[in-house]
Amino acid sequence: MKNYLELPGPYWDSFVGFLKRGVPLQYINKSAYFYKSEFFVDERVLIPRSETEILVEKVVEVIKESEKDELVVIEVGVGPGTIGLSLLQEISKKKIHFIGTDISQDALDVFKINQFKLDYKTPNHHLIDILKADRLSGIDKKADIIVTNPPYIKKDLDRSLVHNQVLQYEPHVALFLEDDQYNAWFNDLFNQVKNLMNSHGHFLMEGHESHLEELCELGNKVFSTSGKIQKDYTNRNRFLSYSF
């Protein structure tokens, strides 16, 4: 991907020029507001969406309702840290060992920037570990909560529904899965979650409104329990959760 902010010429040197080109405002400003914080973002990570704030709220609710004083929370695909760092700042009376994975080293580098930037908002008794990994590969620590906003767009089938600005500027590795690998990818993820989950644990994920019911059926088979689908702000299927 070209670094469009470094292209030569007076057109590219102006703020208005970037906007006319279609560069997202968040990438121009290197900043995006999410939940209760301002995050550093650039072309290495997705721009956070407001509906994902619902996922943060749900995880915070689960943590606060837990009878445990210390919990392990794992996030698959941490990106710039919008989910993980947002939920940690909400928890002051429990100790969280937060483990975040991402397949992209670029994304992990941006996470570190935001971890430093928002350190003053994060209670210092929490422990944060991040590692480069595909989903939950290489993790052997049992979790109380696993949360993810994974790539959930089918590369061919759903491509026409994706805004051109997103296609042009945001990282495809965080957006798309190959159509013929879609269910297998999530089946592997669900089995990893099953193997790492503590008893009375919780799994929460964001997903595509067109495929969430199918993924729920897949998850029901893997987990031998029924998942719960919940809506976003536009009343579309957006979140899938399991309690064990």
C-alpha atoms as a PDB file:
ATOM      1  CA  MET A   1       0.000   0.000   0.000  1.00  0.00           C
ATOM      2  CA  LYS A   2       1.327   3.450  -0.931  1.00  0.00           C
ATOM      3  CA  ASN A   3       1.925   5.943   1.800  1.00  0.00           C
ATOM      4  CA  TYR A   4      -0.363   8.582   0.325  1.00  0.00           C
ATOM      5  CA  LEU A   5       0.704  11.155   2.902  1.00  0.00           C
ATOM      6  CA  GLU A   6       4.215  11.192   1.463  1.00  0.00           C
ATOM      7  CA  LEU A   7       3.361  11.544  -2.228  1.00  0.00           C
ATOM      8  CA  PRO A   8       5.041  14.611  -3.811  1.00  0.00           C
ATOM      9  CA  GLY A   9       3.416  17.743  -5.214  1.00  0.00           C
ATOM     10  CA  PRO A  10       1.446  20.710  -3.889  1.00  0.00           C
ATOM     11  CA  TYR A  11      -1.881  18.902  -4.291  1.00  0.00           C
ATOM     12  CA  TRP A  12      -0.807  16.328  -1.724  1.00  0.00           C
ATOM     13  CA  ASP A  13       0.544  18.967   0.607  1.00  0.00           C
ATOM     14  CA  SER A  14      -2.875  20.427   1.401  1.00  0.00           C
ATOM     15  CA  PHE A  15      -5.440  19.173   3.854  1.00  0.00           C
ATOM     16  CA  VAL A  16      -8.205  19.806   1.343  1.00  0.00           C
ATOM     17  CA  GLY A  17      -6.222  17.882  -1.238  1.00  0.00           C
ATOM     18  CA  PHE A  18      -6.185  14.812   0.971  1.00  0.00           C
ATOM     19  CA  LEU A  19      -9.931  15.091   1.486  1.00  0.00           C
ATOM     20  CA  LYS A  20     -10.593  15.474  -2.240  1.00  0.00           C
ATOM     21  CA  ARG A  21      -8.518  12.387  -2.852  1.00  0.00           C
ATOM     22  CA  GLY A  22     -10.764  10.520  -0.414  1.00  0.00           C
ATOM     23  CA  VAL A  23      -8.209   9.899   2.312  1.00  0.00           C
ATOM     24  CA  PRO A  24     -10.149   9.265   5.551  1.00  0.00           C
ATOM     25  CA  LEU A  25     -10.039  12.215   7.907  1.00  0.00           C
ATOM     26  CA  GLN A  26      -8.834   9.962  10.729  1.00  0.00           C
ATOM     27  CA  TYR A  27      -5.755   8.986   8.720  1.00  0.00           C
ATOM     28  CA  ILE A  28      -5.025  12.598   7.820  1.00  0.00           C
ATOM     29  CA  ASN A  29      -5.253  13.663  11.457  1.00  0.00           C
ATOM     30  CA  LYS A  30      -3.680  10.435  12.757  1.00  0.00           C
ATOM     31  CA  SER A  31      -6.498  10.363  15.277  1.00  0.00           C
ATOM     32  CA  ALA A  32      -9.839   8.676  15.912  1.00  0.00           C
ATOM     33  CA  TYR A  33     -12.223   8.992  18.839  1.00  0.00           C
ATOM     34  CA  PHE A  34     -13.600   5.751  20.224  1.00  0.00           C
ATOM     35  CA  TYR A  35     -15.549   5.079  23.399  1.00  0.00           C
ATOM     36  CA  LYS A  36     -13.992   7.531  25.873  1.00  0.00           C
ATOM     37  CA  SER A  37     -10.564   8.097  24.342  1.00  0.00           C
ATOM     38  CA  GLU A  38      -8.674   9.538  21.413  1.00  0.00           C
ATOM     39  CA  PHE A  39      -6.585   6.891  19.637  1.00  0.00           C
ATOM     40  CA  PHE A  40      -3.663   7.211  17.271  1.00  0.00           C
ATOM     41  CA  VAL A  41      -4.524   5.579  13.936  1.00  0.00           C
ATOM     42  CA  ASP A  42      -2.902   5.432  10.531  1.00  0.00           C
ATOM     43  CA  GLU A  43      -3.106   3.258   7.426  1.00  0.00           C
ATOM     44  CA  ARG A  44      -1.679   0.271   9.331  1.00  0.00           C
ATOM     45  CA  VAL A  45      -4.928  -0.253  11.244  1.00  0.00           C
ATOM     46  CA  LEU A  46      -8.670  -0.070  10.725  1.00  0.00           C
ATOM     47  CA  ILE A  47     -10.513   3.089  11.683  1.00  0.00           C
ATOM     48  CA  PRO A  48     -12.661   2.189  14.720  1.00  0.00           C
ATOM     49  CA  ARG A  49     -16.430   2.138  14.213  1.00  0.00           C
ATOM     50  CA  SER A  50     -18.970   3.375  16.715  1.00  0.00           C
ATOM     51  CA  GLU A  51     -20.900   0.082  16.812  1.00  0.00           C
ATOM     52  CA  THR A  52     -17.842  -1.649  18.255  1.00  0.00           C
ATOM     53  CA  GLU A  53     -18.318   0.474  21.374  1.00  0.00           C
ATOM     54  CA  ILE A  54     -21.279  -1.819  22.112  1.00  0.00           C
ATOM     55  CA  LEU A  55     -18.858  -4.747  22.246  1.00  0.00           C
ATOM     56  CA  VAL A  56     -16.709  -2.891  24.785  1.00  0.00           C
ATOM     57  CA  GLU A  57     -19.786  -2.178  26.913  1.00  0.00           C
ATOM     58  CA  LYS A  58     -20.779  -5.847  26.847  1.00  0.00           C
ATOM     59  CA  VAL A  59     -17.321  -7.045  27.911  1.00  0.00           C
ATOM     60  CA  VAL A  60     -17.161  -4.468  30.712  1.00  0.00           C
ATOM     61  CA  GLU A  61     -20.553  -5.635  31.932  1.00  0.00           C
ATOM     62  CA  VAL A  62     -19.418  -9.270  31.973  1.00  0.00           C
ATOM     63  CA  ILE A  63     -16.256  -8.369  33.893  1.00  0.00           C
ATOM     64  CA  LYS A  64     -18.100  -6.348  36.501  1.00  0.00           C
ATOM     65  CA  GLU A  65     -20.651  -9.117  37.027  1.00  0.00           C
ATOM     66  CA  SER A  66     -17.956 -11.765  37.515  1.00  0.00           C
ATOM     67  CA  GLU A  67     -17.405 -13.088  41.009  1.00  0.00           C
ATOM     68  CA  LYS A  68     -13.662 -13.263  40.329  1.00  0.00           C
ATOM     69  CA  ASP A  69     -11.319 -10.505  41.477  1.00  0.00           C
ATOM     70  CA  GLU A  70      -8.699 -11.454  38.890  1.00  0.00           C
ATOM     71  CA  LEU A  71      -9.541 -12.354  35.293  1.00  0.00           C
ATOM     72  CA  VAL A  72      -7.719 -13.243  32.108  1.00  0.00           C
ATOM     73  CA  VAL A  73      -9.100 -11.434  29.070  1.00  0.00           C
ATOM     74  CA  ILE A  74      -7.808 -12.325  25.612  1.00  0.00           C
ATOM     75  CA  GLU A  75      -8.513 -10.254  22.516  1.00  0.00           C
ATOM     76  CA  VAL A  76      -8.002 -11.701  19.036  1.00  0.00           C
ATOM     77  CA  GLY A  77      -6.951  -9.010  16.577  1.00  0.00           C
ATOM     78  CA  VAL A  78      -6.146  -6.085  18.854  1.00  0.00           C
ATOM     79  CA  GLY A  79      -5.509  -3.587  16.044  1.00  0.00           C
ATOM     80  CA  PRO A  80      -4.861  -0.131  17.524  1.00  0.00           C
ATOM     81  CA  GLY A  81      -6.138  -1.260  20.924  1.00  0.00           C
ATOM     82  CA  THR A  82      -9.542   0.355  20.820  1.00  0.00           C
ATOM     83  CA  ILE A  83     -11.371  -2.572  22.449  1.00  0.00           C
ATOM     84  CA  GLY A  84      -8.742  -3.758  24.904  1.00  0.00           C
ATOM     85  CA  LEU A  85      -7.475  -0.407  26.135  1.00  0.00           C
ATOM     86  CA  SER A  86     -11.011   0.959  26.384  1.00  0.00           C
ATOM     87  CA  LEU A  87     -12.266  -1.862  28.574  1.00  0.00           C
ATOM     88  CA  LEU A  88      -9.202  -1.807  30.827  1.00  0.00           C
ATOM     89  CA  GLN A  89      -9.758   1.840  31.727  1.00  0.00           C
ATOM     90  CA  GLU A  90     -13.265   0.948  32.934  1.00  0.00           C
ATOM     91  CA  ILE A  91     -12.107  -1.697  35.423  1.00  0.00           C
ATOM     92  CA  SER A  92     -10.592  -0.399  38.645  1.00  0.00           C
ATOM     93  CA  LYS A  93     -11.788  -2.881  41.276  1.00  0.00           C
ATOM     94  CA  LYS A  94     -10.572  -6.070  39.588  1.00  0.00           C
ATOM     95  CA  LYS A  95      -7.206  -7.110  38.223  1.00  0.00           C
ATOM     96  CA  ILE A  96      -7.097  -7.962  34.520  1.00  0.00           C
ATOM     97  CA  HIS A  97      -4.379  -9.876  32.735  1.00  0.00           C
ATOM     98  CA  PHE A  98      -5.015  -8.711  29.190  1.00  0.00           C
ATOM     99  CA  ILE A  99      -3.487 -10.716  26.354  1.00  0.00           C
ATOM    100  CA  GLY A 100      -3.828  -9.359  22.832  1.00  0.00           C
ATOM    101  CA  THR A 101      -2.894 -11.026  19.572  1.00  0.00           C
ATOM    102  CA  ASP A 102      -2.676  -9.773  16.015  1.00  0.00           C
ATOM    103  CA  ILE A 103      -1.344 -11.329  12.831  1.00  0.00           C
ATOM    104  CA  SER A 104      -0.030  -7.915  11.771  1.00  0.00           C
ATOM    105  CA  GLN A 105       3.150  -6.563  13.339  1.00  0.00           C
ATOM    106  CA  ASP A 106       2.152  -3.126  12.043  1.00  0.00           C
ATOM    107  CA  ALA A 107      -1.044  -3.310  14.085  1.00  0.00           C
ATOM    108  CA  LEU A 108       0.870  -4.352  17.194  1.00  0.00           C
ATOM    109  CA  ASP A 109       3.202  -1.382  16.726  1.00  0.00           C
ATOM    110  CA  VAL A 110       0.203   0.959  16.662  1.00  0.00           C
ATOM    111  CA  PHE A 111      -1.208  -0.782  19.752  1.00  0.00           C
ATOM    112  CA  LYS A 112       2.025   0.025  21.604  1.00  0.00           C
ATOM    113  CA  ILE A 113       1.700   3.688  20.647  1.00  0.00           C
ATOM    114  CA  ASN A 114      -1.795   3.819  22.114  1.00  0.00           C
ATOM    115  CA  GLN A 115      -0.803   1.801  25.172  1.00  0.00           C
ATOM    116  CA  PHE A 116       1.768   4.496  25.947  1.00  0.00           C
ATOM    117  CA  LYS A 117      -0.585   7.317  24.985  1.00  0.00           C
ATOM    118  CA  LEU A 118      -3.384   6.064  27.260  1.00  0.00           C
ATOM    119  CA  ASP A 119      -1.249   4.720  30.080  1.00  0.00           C
ATOM    120  CA  TYR A 120      -2.520   7.461  32.403  1.00  0.00           C
ATOM    121  CA  LYS A 121      -6.090   6.139  31.991  1.00  0.00           C
ATOM    122  CA  THR A 122      -5.221   2.489  32.618  1.00  0.00           C
ATOM    123  CA  PRO A 123      -5.134   1.318  36.259  1.00  0.00           C
ATOM    124  CA  ASN A 124      -1.569   0.231  36.962  1.00  0.00           C
ATOM    125  CA  HIS A 125      -2.539  -3.085  38.549  1.00  0.00           C
ATOM    126  CA  HIS A 126      -3.583  -4.482  35.159  1.00  0.00           C
ATOM    127  CA  LEU A 127      -1.097  -6.592  33.192  1.00  0.00           C
ATOM    128  CA  ILE A 128      -0.878  -6.243  29.394  1.00  0.00           C
ATOM    129  CA  ASP A 129       0.827  -8.721  27.059  1.00  0.00           C
ATOM    130  CA  ILE A 130       0.632  -8.620  23.276  1.00  0.00           C
ATOM    131  CA  LEU A 131       2.046 -11.016  20.713  1.00  0.00           C
ATOM    132  CA  LYS A 132       2.086 -11.601  17.001  1.00  0.00           C
ATOM    133  CA  ALA A 133      -0.083 -14.641  16.368  1.00  0.00           C
ATOM    134  CA  ASP A 134      -2.784 -15.995  14.088  1.00  0.00           C
ATOM    135  CA  ARG A 135      -5.891 -15.920  16.252  1.00  0.00           C
ATOM    136  CA  LEU A 136      -5.038 -17.855  19.457  1.00  0.00           C
ATOM    137  CA  SER A 137      -2.071 -19.837  18.186  1.00  0.00           C
ATOM    138  CA  GLY A 138       0.717 -20.181  20.726  1.00  0.00           C
ATOM    139  CA  ILE A 139      -1.381 -19.196  23.742  1.00  0.00           C
ATOM    140  CA  ASP A 140      -1.637 -21.744  26.525  1.00  0.00           C
ATOM    141  CA  LYS A 141      -3.115 -19.582  29.280  1.00  0.00           C
ATOM    142  CA  LYS A 142      -6.751 -20.245  30.089  1.00  0.00           C
ATOM    143  CA  ALA A 143      -9.105 -17.308  29.652  1.00  0.00           C
ATOM    144  CA  ASP A 144     -12.179 -16.059  31.465  1.00  0.00           C
ATOM    145  CA  ILE A 145     -13.196 -13.840  28.553  1.00  0.00           C
ATOM    146  CA  ILE A 146     -12.222 -13.958  24.888  1.00  0.00           C
ATOM    147  CA  VAL A 147     -13.304 -11.071  22.679  1.00  0.00           C
ATOM    148  CA  THR A 148     -12.728 -10.321  19.020  1.00  0.00           C
ATOM    149  CA  ASN A 149     -13.688  -8.040  16.177  1.00  0.00           C
ATOM    150  CA  PRO A 150     -12.164 -10.251  13.471  1.00  0.00           C
ATOM    151  CA  PRO A 151     -12.053  -9.885   9.693  1.00  0.00           C
ATOM    152  CA  TYR A 152     -15.575 -10.921   8.775  1.00  0.00           C
ATOM    153  CA  ILE A 153     -16.195  -9.688   5.203  1.00  0.00           C
ATOM    154  CA  LYS A 154     -16.217 -12.286   2.413  1.00  0.00           C
ATOM    155  CA  LYS A 155     -13.670 -11.038  -0.094  1.00  0.00           C
ATOM    156  CA  ASP A 156     -15.739 -11.672  -3.228  1.00  0.00           C
ATOM    157  CA  LEU A 157     -19.342 -12.040  -2.123  1.00  0.00           C
ATOM    158  CA  ASP A 158     -19.429  -8.939   0.086  1.00  0.00           C
ATOM    159  CA  ARG A 159     -16.941  -6.724  -1.752  1.00  0.00           C
ATOM    160  CA  SER A 160     -19.581  -4.696  -3.602  1.00  0.00           C
ATOM    161  CA  LEU A 161     -21.120  -3.710  -0.255  1.00  0.00           C
ATOM    162  CA  VAL A 162     -17.889  -2.171   1.035  1.00  0.00           C
ATOM    163  CA  HIS A 163     -17.390   1.577   0.610  1.00  0.00           C
ATOM    164  CA  ASN A 164     -14.710   2.440  -1.937  1.00  0.00           C
ATOM    165  CA  GLN A 165     -12.876   4.596   0.611  1.00  0.00           C
ATOM    166  CA  VAL A 166     -12.522   1.555   2.852  1.00  0.00           C
ATOM    167  CA  LEU A 167     -11.326  -0.604  -0.038  1.00  0.00           C
ATOM    168  CA  GLN A 168      -8.744   1.934  -1.087  1.00  0.00           C
ATOM    169  CA  TYR A 169      -7.235   2.945   2.221  1.00  0.00           C
ATOM    170  CA  GLU A 170      -7.907   0.500   5.069  1.00  0.00           C
ATOM    171  CA  PRO A 171      -5.840  -2.691   5.588  1.00  0.00           C
ATOM    172  CA  HIS A 172      -7.480  -5.640   3.846  1.00  0.00           C
ATOM    173  CA  VAL A 173      -5.944  -8.195   6.213  1.00  0.00           C
ATOM    174  CA  ALA A 174      -8.175  -6.812   8.969  1.00  0.00           C
ATOM    175  CA  LEU A 175     -11.276  -6.782   6.780  1.00  0.00           C
ATOM    176  CA  PHE A 176     -11.483  -9.757   4.444  1.00  0.00           C
ATOM    177  CA  LEU A 177     -11.484 -13.529   4.460  1.00  0.00           C
ATOM    178  CA  GLU A 178     -11.481 -15.696   1.344  1.00  0.00           C
ATOM    179  CA  ASP A 179     -14.997 -16.895   0.595  1.00  0.00           C
ATOM    180  CA  ASP A 180     -14.068 -20.586   0.431  1.00  0.00           C
ATOM    181  CA  GLN A 181     -12.121 -20.388   3.715  1.00  0.00           C
ATOM    182  CA  TYR A 182     -14.655 -18.349   5.687  1.00  0.00           C
ATOM    183  CA  ASN A 183     -16.418 -21.043   7.701  1.00  0.00           C
ATOM    184  CA  ALA A 184     -13.218 -23.039   8.191  1.00  0.00           C
ATOM    185  CA  TRP A 185     -11.466 -19.937   9.558  1.00  0.00           C
ATOM    186  CA  PHE A 186     -14.181 -19.394  12.153  1.00  0.00           C
ATOM    187  CA  ASN A 187     -14.437 -23.095  12.923  1.00  0.00           C
ATOM    188  CA  ASP A 188     -10.729 -23.076  13.804  1.00  0.00           C
ATOM    189  CA  LEU A 189     -11.205 -19.948  15.928  1.00  0.00           C
ATOM    190  CA  PHE A 190     -14.161 -21.455  17.795  1.00  0.00           C
ATOM    191  CA  ASN A 191     -12.188 -24.612  18.552  1.00  0.00           C
ATOM    192  CA  GLN A 192      -9.274 -22.540  19.844  1.00  0.00           C
ATOM    193  CA  VAL A 193     -11.685 -20.612  22.066  1.00  0.00           C
ATOM    194  CA  LYS A 194     -13.190 -23.867  23.352  1.00  0.00           C
ATOM    195  CA  ASN A 195      -9.752 -25.231  24.278  1.00  0.00           C
ATOM    196  CA  LEU A 196      -8.661 -22.086  26.139  1.00  0.00           C
ATOM    197  CA  MET A 197     -11.876 -21.136  27.926  1.00  0.00           C
ATOM    198  CA  ASN A 198     -12.230 -21.499  31.680  1.00  0.00           C
ATOM    199  CA  SER A 199     -15.462 -22.843  33.091  1.00  0.00           C
ATOM    200  CA  HIS A 200     -18.096 -20.110  33.407  1.00  0.00           C
ATOM    201  CA  GLY A 201     -16.195 -18.111  30.783  1.00  0.00           C
ATOM    202  CA  HIS A 202     -17.528 -15.879  28.024  1.00  0.00           C
ATOM    203  CA  PHE A 203     -16.809 -15.441  24.309  1.00  0.00           C
ATOM    204  CA  LEU A 204     -17.972 -12.289  22.521  1.00  0.00           C
ATOM    205  CA  MET A 205     -17.403 -11.276  18.916  1.00  0.00           C
ATOM    206  CA  GLU A 206     -18.507  -8.794  16.292  1.00  0.00           C
ATOM    207  CA  GLY A 207     -19.587 -10.150  12.925  1.00  0.00           C
ATOM    208  CA  HIS A 208     -21.204  -9.502   9.554  1.00  0.00           C
ATOM    209  CA  GLU A 209     -24.961  -9.099   9.561  1.00  0.00           C
ATOM    210  CA  SER A 210     -25.340 -11.418   6.549  1.00  0.00           C
ATOM    211  CA  HIS A 211     -23.311 -14.277   8.012  1.00  0.00           C
ATOM    212  CA  LEU A 212     -23.807 -14.110  11.771  1.00  0.00           C
ATOM    213  CA  GLU A 213     -26.693 -16.586  11.911  1.00  0.00           C
ATOM    214  CA  GLU A 214     -24.655 -19.140   9.967  1.00  0.00           C
ATOM    215  CA  LEU A 215     -21.689 -18.586  12.277  1.00  0.00           C
ATOM    216  CA  CYS A 216     -23.969 -18.975  15.290  1.00  0.00           C
ATOM    217  CA  GLU A 217     -25.051 -22.398  14.016  1.00  0.00           C
ATOM    218  CA  LEU A 218     -21.397 -23.312  13.532  1.00  0.00           C
ATOM    219  CA  GLY A 219     -20.516 -22.103  17.021  1.00  0.00           C
ATOM    220  CA  ASN A 220     -23.418 -24.008  18.547  1.00  0.00           C
ATOM    221  CA  LYS A 221     -21.969 -27.235  17.191  1.00  0.00           C
ATOM    222  CA  VAL A 222     -18.440 -26.508  18.388  1.00  0.00           C
ATOM    223  CA  PHE A 223     -19.437 -25.280  21.844  1.00  0.00           C
ATOM    224  CA  SER A 224     -22.430 -27.612  22.342  1.00  0.00           C
ATOM    225  CA  THR A 225     -24.422 -24.672  23.623  1.00  0.00           C
ATOM    226  CA  SER A 226     -26.550 -21.931  22.109  1.00  0.00           C
ATOM    227  CA  GLY A 227     -25.102 -18.588  21.147  1.00  0.00           C
ATOM    228  CA  LYS A 228     -26.897 -15.271  21.434  1.00  0.00           C
ATOM    229  CA  ILE A 229     -27.080 -12.819  18.520  1.00  0.00           C
ATOM    230  CA  GLN A 230     -27.524  -9.140  19.345  1.00  0.00           C
ATOM    231  CA  LYS A 231     -28.207  -6.046  17.262  1.00  0.00           C
ATOM    232  CA  ASP A 232     -26.194  -2.899  16.595  1.00  0.00           C
ATOM    233  CA  TYR A 233     -27.407   0.705  16.524  1.00  0.00           C
ATOM    234  CA  THR A 234     -29.077   0.140  13.130  1.00  0.00           C
ATOM    235  CA  ASN A 235     -30.945  -2.967  14.328  1.00  0.00           C
ATOM    236  CA  ARG A 236     -28.746  -5.295  12.278  1.00  0.00           C
ATOM    237  CA  ASN A 237     -27.279  -8.549  13.561  1.00  0.00           C
ATOM    238  CA  ARG A 238     -23.818  -7.560  14.773  1.00  0.00           C
ATOM    239  CA  PHE A 239     -22.686  -9.474  17.877  1.00  0.00           C
ATOM    240  CA  LEU A 240     -22.451 -13.133  18.813  1.00  0.00           C
ATOM    241  CA  SER A 241     -21.832 -14.258  22.375  1.00  0.00           C
ATOM    242  CA  TYR A 242     -21.511 -17.514  24.301  1.00  0.00           C
ATOM    243  CA  SER A 243     -21.538 -18.136  28.041  1.00  0.00           C
ATOM    244  CA  PHE A 244     -20.094 -21.411  29.261  1.00  0.00           C
END
